[in-house]
Amino acid sequence: MVLITGAAPTGRVRSVLLAMSLLAVPIALAGCQNDKDKLALASYVAPTDPADQLYNEGLANLNAGRLKEAAAKFDAVDKEHPYSEYSRKSEVMGAFTKYRMGEYDDAISMAQRYMELYPSTDDAAYAQYIIGLSYFRQIRDVTQDQQQARQTIEAMNAVVQNYPTSPYVEDAKTKIRFARDQLAGKEMQVGRYYLERREYLAAIKRFRDVVENYSNTNQIEEALARLTEAYYAMGIAPEAQTAAAVLGRNYPHSKWYKDSYALLQSGGLSPSENKSSWISKAFSVVTGG
């Protein structure tokens, strides 16, 4: 359609022109709004607190028992100041905070990451200690799996061997002894189960493991007494007598020795050590005899 200049537009043309004018308004407004948004974004910078301020706030929250807030602050240091000295410190303190919160897997993961990044720093011993503590807190009753006990020993041994002058060594040794007692206790629990079922060879295998590998634990006296009982039940008198003799020589006032002595006496026997027995040899290695 050709419009004659100066002529009034038809109804259809008026409608089209009106629609076009209405469309132009929001486009213009959107353009203005976008310009305002851009201006606002250009003038707005997300505030970033200094690394030392975040770190100290994390410590303050930790000391006040606000563990979630402390964890958030230490995490903020790592994210906002990733290459700073405070970021390194926040890594290990964040791991400790997670340990205090009972989130042991996270604590282990964070401490292991610290060890990978900063193995030679002063805080490396502390990070390794946190790993050991996190495993230690997860050790279960001897009736259950003892994987965490084994992991505790491994982690705490690393503290003792790699950082022998650190202030965490003595407690690491204490935790190792406890974990070894747990492993020995597990062997005893299984051994007693077999002994009650009169599966003597299987029971002896468990008690022997305690004697040979956990002789410095609190399970050793019972292990020797149970060996006396198992060998006696099988009619292997020399080994029963040796187990009782070694028990009496090392733990003469033990109630377990009294029980073993009475058991042998009931059969007309008495403790007598056979130096060629594996039991005697095992204790010769332990005592240096």
Protein backbone atom coordinates (compact mmCIF):
# COMPACT_ATOMS: atom_id res chain seq x y z
CA MET A 1 0.00 0.00 0.00
CA VAL A 2 1.30 3.46 -0.91
CA LEU A 3 0.41 6.33 1.42
CA ILE A 4 -0.03 9.79 -0.02
CA THR A 5 2.03 12.38 1.91
CA GLY A 6 -0.16 14.49 4.18
CA ALA A 7 -3.08 12.09 3.93
CA ALA A 8 -4.59 10.72 7.13
CA PRO A 9 -3.61 7.10 7.80
CA THR A 10 -6.22 4.48 7.50
CA GLY A 11 -7.52 2.60 10.58
CA ARG A 12 -5.26 -0.40 9.95
CA VAL A 13 -2.16 1.75 9.58
CA ARG A 14 -3.04 3.65 12.76
CA SER A 15 -3.19 0.36 14.63
CA VAL A 16 0.24 -0.72 13.37
CA LEU A 17 1.81 2.63 14.26
CA LEU A 18 0.28 2.52 17.74
CA ALA A 19 1.62 -0.98 18.36
CA MET A 20 5.10 0.06 17.22
CA SER A 21 5.06 3.07 19.52
CA LEU A 22 4.00 0.96 22.49
CA LEU A 23 6.79 -1.53 21.81
CA ALA A 24 9.33 1.22 21.73
CA VAL A 25 8.51 2.33 25.29
CA PRO A 26 9.60 -0.84 27.17
CA ILE A 27 12.64 -1.20 24.92
CA ALA A 28 13.67 2.31 25.82
CA LEU A 29 12.93 1.71 29.49
CA ALA A 30 14.87 -1.58 29.40
CA GLY A 31 17.80 0.23 27.90
CA CYS A 32 17.70 2.80 30.66
CA GLN A 33 17.36 0.08 33.29
CA ASN A 34 20.30 -1.88 31.84
CA ASP A 35 22.39 1.27 31.91
CA LYS A 36 21.48 1.81 35.56
CA ASP A 37 22.30 -1.83 36.42
CA LYS A 38 25.64 -1.60 34.67
CA LEU A 39 26.40 1.59 36.51
CA ALA A 40 25.43 0.02 39.81
CA LEU A 41 27.54 -3.09 39.15
CA ALA A 42 30.46 -0.97 38.08
CA SER A 43 30.34 0.99 41.31
CA TYR A 44 29.80 -2.10 43.56
CA VAL A 45 32.74 -4.23 44.70
CA ALA A 46 32.09 -7.17 47.00
CA PRO A 47 33.72 -6.36 50.32
CA THR A 48 36.60 -8.65 51.23
CA ASP A 49 37.79 -8.65 54.82
CA PRO A 50 41.54 -8.81 55.39
CA ALA A 51 42.98 -12.28 55.85
CA ASP A 52 44.25 -11.63 59.35
CA GLN A 53 40.86 -10.27 60.43
CA LEU A 54 39.02 -13.36 59.15
CA TYR A 55 41.56 -15.67 60.75
CA ASN A 56 41.40 -13.95 64.13
CA GLU A 57 37.60 -13.96 64.00
CA GLY A 58 37.79 -17.69 63.35
CA LEU A 59 39.99 -18.17 66.40
CA ALA A 60 37.66 -16.05 68.53
CA ASN A 61 34.65 -18.12 67.45
CA LEU A 62 36.56 -21.33 68.10
CA ASN A 63 37.52 -20.25 71.61
CA ALA A 64 33.91 -19.23 72.27
CA GLY A 65 32.61 -22.59 71.15
CA ARG A 66 30.92 -21.23 68.03
CA LEU A 67 32.30 -23.99 65.86
CA LYS A 68 30.18 -23.47 62.76
CA GLU A 69 31.05 -19.79 62.66
CA ALA A 70 34.71 -20.60 63.17
CA ALA A 71 34.69 -23.12 60.32
CA ALA A 72 33.04 -20.54 58.05
CA LYS A 73 35.70 -17.93 58.85
CA PHE A 74 38.59 -20.31 58.22
CA ASP A 75 36.97 -21.39 54.96
CA ALA A 76 36.56 -17.74 53.93
CA VAL A 77 40.28 -17.12 54.45
CA ASP A 78 41.15 -20.03 52.19
CA LYS A 79 38.73 -18.90 49.49
CA GLU A 80 39.33 -15.15 49.55
CA HIS A 81 43.08 -15.19 50.29
CA PRO A 82 44.21 -18.56 48.86
CA TYR A 83 47.93 -17.80 48.68
CA SER A 84 48.40 -16.02 51.97
CA GLU A 85 50.12 -17.20 55.11
CA TYR A 86 46.77 -16.97 56.89
CA SER A 87 45.28 -19.33 54.33
CA ARG A 88 47.86 -21.95 55.30
CA LYS A 89 47.09 -21.47 58.98
CA SER A 90 43.37 -21.59 58.31
CA GLU A 91 43.74 -24.97 56.60
CA VAL A 92 44.99 -26.67 59.73
CA MET A 93 42.70 -24.76 62.10
CA GLY A 94 39.76 -25.59 59.87
CA ALA A 95 40.69 -29.28 60.16
CA PHE A 96 40.84 -28.97 63.94
CA THR A 97 37.46 -27.23 63.99
CA LYS A 98 35.92 -30.04 61.96
CA TYR A 99 37.42 -32.50 64.46
CA ARG A 100 35.85 -30.58 67.34
CA MET A 101 32.52 -30.67 65.51
CA GLY A 102 32.71 -34.45 65.24
CA GLU A 103 32.94 -34.30 61.46
CA TYR A 104 35.89 -36.66 61.43
CA ASP A 105 35.97 -37.55 57.75
CA ASP A 106 36.11 -33.86 56.82
CA ALA A 107 38.80 -33.25 59.42
CA ILE A 108 40.90 -36.09 58.03
CA SER A 109 40.43 -34.89 54.46
CA MET A 110 41.41 -31.31 55.30
CA ALA A 111 44.43 -32.36 57.36
CA GLN A 112 45.60 -34.73 54.64
CA ARG A 113 45.30 -31.91 52.11
CA TYR A 114 47.41 -29.73 54.38
CA MET A 115 50.04 -32.47 54.62
CA GLU A 116 50.17 -32.72 50.84
CA LEU A 117 50.58 -28.96 50.39
CA TYR A 118 52.76 -28.10 53.39
CA PRO A 119 54.61 -31.24 54.58
CA SER A 120 57.60 -29.34 55.96
CA THR A 121 55.92 -26.57 57.94
CA ASP A 122 55.80 -26.23 61.72
CA ASP A 123 52.09 -27.12 61.72
CA ALA A 124 52.58 -30.36 59.77
CA ALA A 125 52.96 -32.36 62.98
CA TYR A 126 49.71 -30.89 64.26
CA ALA A 127 47.89 -31.75 61.03
CA GLN A 128 49.14 -35.34 61.24
CA TYR A 129 48.09 -35.47 64.89
CA ILE A 130 44.57 -34.31 63.94
CA ILE A 131 44.36 -37.19 61.45
CA GLY A 132 45.27 -39.63 64.23
CA LEU A 133 42.81 -38.10 66.67
CA SER A 134 40.01 -38.27 64.11
CA TYR A 135 40.59 -41.99 63.58
CA PHE A 136 40.97 -42.54 67.32
CA ARG A 137 37.56 -41.03 68.07
CA GLN A 138 35.97 -43.52 65.70
CA ILE A 139 37.41 -46.68 67.28
CA ARG A 140 34.60 -49.10 68.00
CA ASP A 141 33.95 -51.72 70.64
CA VAL A 142 36.05 -54.90 70.27
CA THR A 143 32.96 -56.78 69.17
CA GLN A 144 32.98 -54.69 65.98
CA ASP A 145 35.42 -54.04 63.15
CA GLN A 146 38.71 -52.46 64.26
CA GLN A 147 39.69 -50.69 61.04
CA GLN A 148 39.83 -47.31 62.81
CA ALA A 149 42.18 -48.77 65.43
CA ARG A 150 44.60 -49.82 62.70
CA GLN A 151 44.31 -46.39 61.06
CA THR A 152 44.95 -44.72 64.41
CA ILE A 153 48.17 -46.69 64.84
CA GLU A 154 49.34 -45.81 61.34
CA ALA A 155 48.56 -42.10 61.71
CA MET A 156 50.01 -41.75 65.21
CA ASN A 157 53.13 -43.71 64.26
CA ALA A 158 53.69 -41.06 61.60
CA VAL A 159 53.61 -38.41 64.33
CA VAL A 160 56.12 -40.31 66.47
CA GLN A 161 58.49 -41.21 63.65
CA ASN A 162 58.33 -38.07 61.49
CA TYR A 163 58.01 -35.44 64.22
CA PRO A 164 59.85 -36.93 67.24
CA THR A 165 60.36 -33.55 68.94
CA SER A 166 56.76 -32.36 68.58
CA PRO A 167 54.61 -31.88 71.71
CA TYR A 168 52.12 -34.44 70.38
CA VAL A 169 54.42 -37.46 70.57
CA GLU A 170 53.57 -38.61 74.10
CA ASP A 171 49.83 -38.50 73.53
CA ALA A 172 50.32 -40.19 70.15
CA LYS A 173 52.07 -43.07 71.94
CA THR A 174 49.19 -43.30 74.42
CA LYS A 175 46.69 -43.49 71.58
CA ILE A 176 48.79 -46.18 69.89
CA ARG A 177 48.80 -48.31 73.04
CA PHE A 178 45.04 -48.02 73.34
CA ALA A 179 44.53 -48.95 69.68
CA ARG A 180 46.84 -51.96 70.05
CA ASP A 181 44.88 -53.06 73.11
CA GLN A 182 41.76 -52.89 70.96
CA LEU A 183 43.28 -55.04 68.22
CA ALA A 184 44.48 -57.56 70.78
CA GLY A 185 41.06 -57.48 72.43
CA LYS A 186 39.44 -58.27 69.11
CA GLU A 187 41.69 -61.30 68.66
CA MET A 188 40.84 -62.45 72.18
CA GLN A 189 37.12 -62.02 71.57
CA VAL A 190 37.28 -64.21 68.47
CA GLY A 191 39.58 -66.70 70.20
CA ARG A 192 37.18 -67.13 73.11
CA TYR A 193 34.38 -67.72 70.64
CA TYR A 194 36.28 -70.62 69.07
CA LEU A 195 37.33 -71.93 72.47
CA GLU A 196 33.72 -72.10 73.64
CA ARG A 197 32.87 -74.04 70.49
CA ARG A 198 35.80 -76.39 71.17
CA GLU A 199 37.45 -75.36 67.93
CA TYR A 200 40.81 -75.41 69.64
CA LEU A 201 43.14 -74.94 66.70
CA ALA A 202 41.27 -71.85 65.54
CA ALA A 203 41.29 -70.51 69.10
CA ILE A 204 45.02 -71.15 69.52
CA LYS A 205 45.73 -69.26 66.30
CA ARG A 206 44.05 -66.15 67.72
CA PHE A 207 45.72 -66.39 71.13
CA ARG A 208 49.09 -67.00 69.48
CA ASP A 209 48.66 -63.80 67.46
CA VAL A 210 48.23 -61.88 70.71
CA VAL A 211 51.34 -63.45 72.26
CA GLU A 212 53.53 -62.87 69.22
CA ASN A 213 52.28 -59.46 68.11
CA TYR A 214 50.63 -57.82 71.13
CA SER A 215 52.73 -58.99 74.06
CA ASN A 216 52.88 -55.47 75.54
CA THR A 217 49.10 -55.07 75.71
CA ASN A 218 46.72 -55.70 78.59
CA GLN A 219 45.49 -58.87 76.86
CA ILE A 220 48.67 -60.92 77.20
CA GLU A 221 47.93 -62.54 80.57
CA GLU A 222 44.59 -63.90 79.47
CA ALA A 223 46.06 -65.01 76.14
CA LEU A 224 48.63 -67.21 77.93
CA ALA A 225 45.93 -68.57 80.24
CA ARG A 226 43.68 -69.39 77.28
CA LEU A 227 46.56 -71.13 75.53
CA THR A 228 47.04 -73.22 78.65
CA GLU A 229 43.34 -74.09 78.57
CA ALA A 230 43.23 -74.88 74.84
CA TYR A 231 46.38 -77.03 74.78
CA TYR A 232 45.27 -78.86 77.93
CA ALA A 233 41.89 -79.60 76.33
CA MET A 234 43.68 -81.03 73.28
CA GLY A 235 45.91 -83.20 75.44
CA ILE A 236 49.08 -81.34 74.42
CA ALA A 237 50.51 -81.14 77.93
CA PRO A 238 54.01 -79.72 77.20
CA GLU A 239 52.55 -76.64 75.50
CA ALA A 240 49.93 -76.19 78.21
CA GLN A 241 52.64 -76.42 80.88
CA THR A 242 54.88 -73.99 78.99
CA ALA A 243 52.12 -71.42 78.57
CA ALA A 244 51.39 -71.58 82.31
CA ALA A 245 55.09 -71.42 83.22
CA VAL A 246 55.70 -68.34 81.04
CA LEU A 247 52.60 -66.74 82.53
CA GLY A 248 53.80 -67.45 86.06
CA ARG A 249 57.34 -66.22 85.38
CA ASN A 250 56.19 -62.90 83.97
CA TYR A 251 52.98 -62.33 85.93
CA PRO A 252 53.28 -64.36 89.14
CA HIS A 253 50.48 -62.50 90.93
CA SER A 254 48.02 -62.64 88.06
CA LYS A 255 44.62 -64.19 88.64
CA TRP A 256 45.05 -65.79 85.22
CA TYR A 257 48.14 -67.62 86.48
CA LYS A 258 46.24 -68.89 89.50
CA ASP A 259 43.52 -70.26 87.21
CA SER A 260 46.06 -71.89 84.88
CA TYR A 261 47.97 -73.41 87.78
CA ALA A 262 44.76 -74.86 89.23
CA LEU A 263 43.78 -76.29 85.84
CA LEU A 264 47.08 -78.13 85.47
CA GLN A 265 46.97 -79.34 89.07
CA SER A 266 43.54 -80.85 88.44
CA GLY A 267 45.18 -83.14 85.91
CA GLY A 268 48.23 -83.94 88.00
CA LEU A 269 50.45 -81.49 86.10
CA SER A 270 52.38 -78.35 87.01
CA PRO A 271 53.82 -75.43 85.04
CA SER A 272 57.04 -76.41 83.30
CA GLU A 273 58.68 -74.40 80.54
CA ASN A 274 59.84 -76.10 77.37
CA LYS A 275 62.51 -73.77 75.94
CA SER A 276 61.95 -75.07 72.42
CA SER A 277 58.27 -74.11 72.44
CA TRP A 278 57.16 -71.21 70.29
CA ILE A 279 55.69 -69.66 73.43
CA SER A 280 59.03 -69.61 75.20
CA LYS A 281 60.79 -68.29 72.09
CA ALA A 282 58.21 -65.56 71.65
CA PHE A 283 58.82 -64.29 75.18
CA SER A 284 62.59 -64.59 74.81
CA VAL A 285 62.34 -62.11 71.91
CA VAL A 286 60.12 -59.77 73.93
CA THR A 287 62.28 -59.80 77.08
CA GLY A 288 65.60 -60.13 75.32
CA GLY A 289 66.32 -63.40 77.11
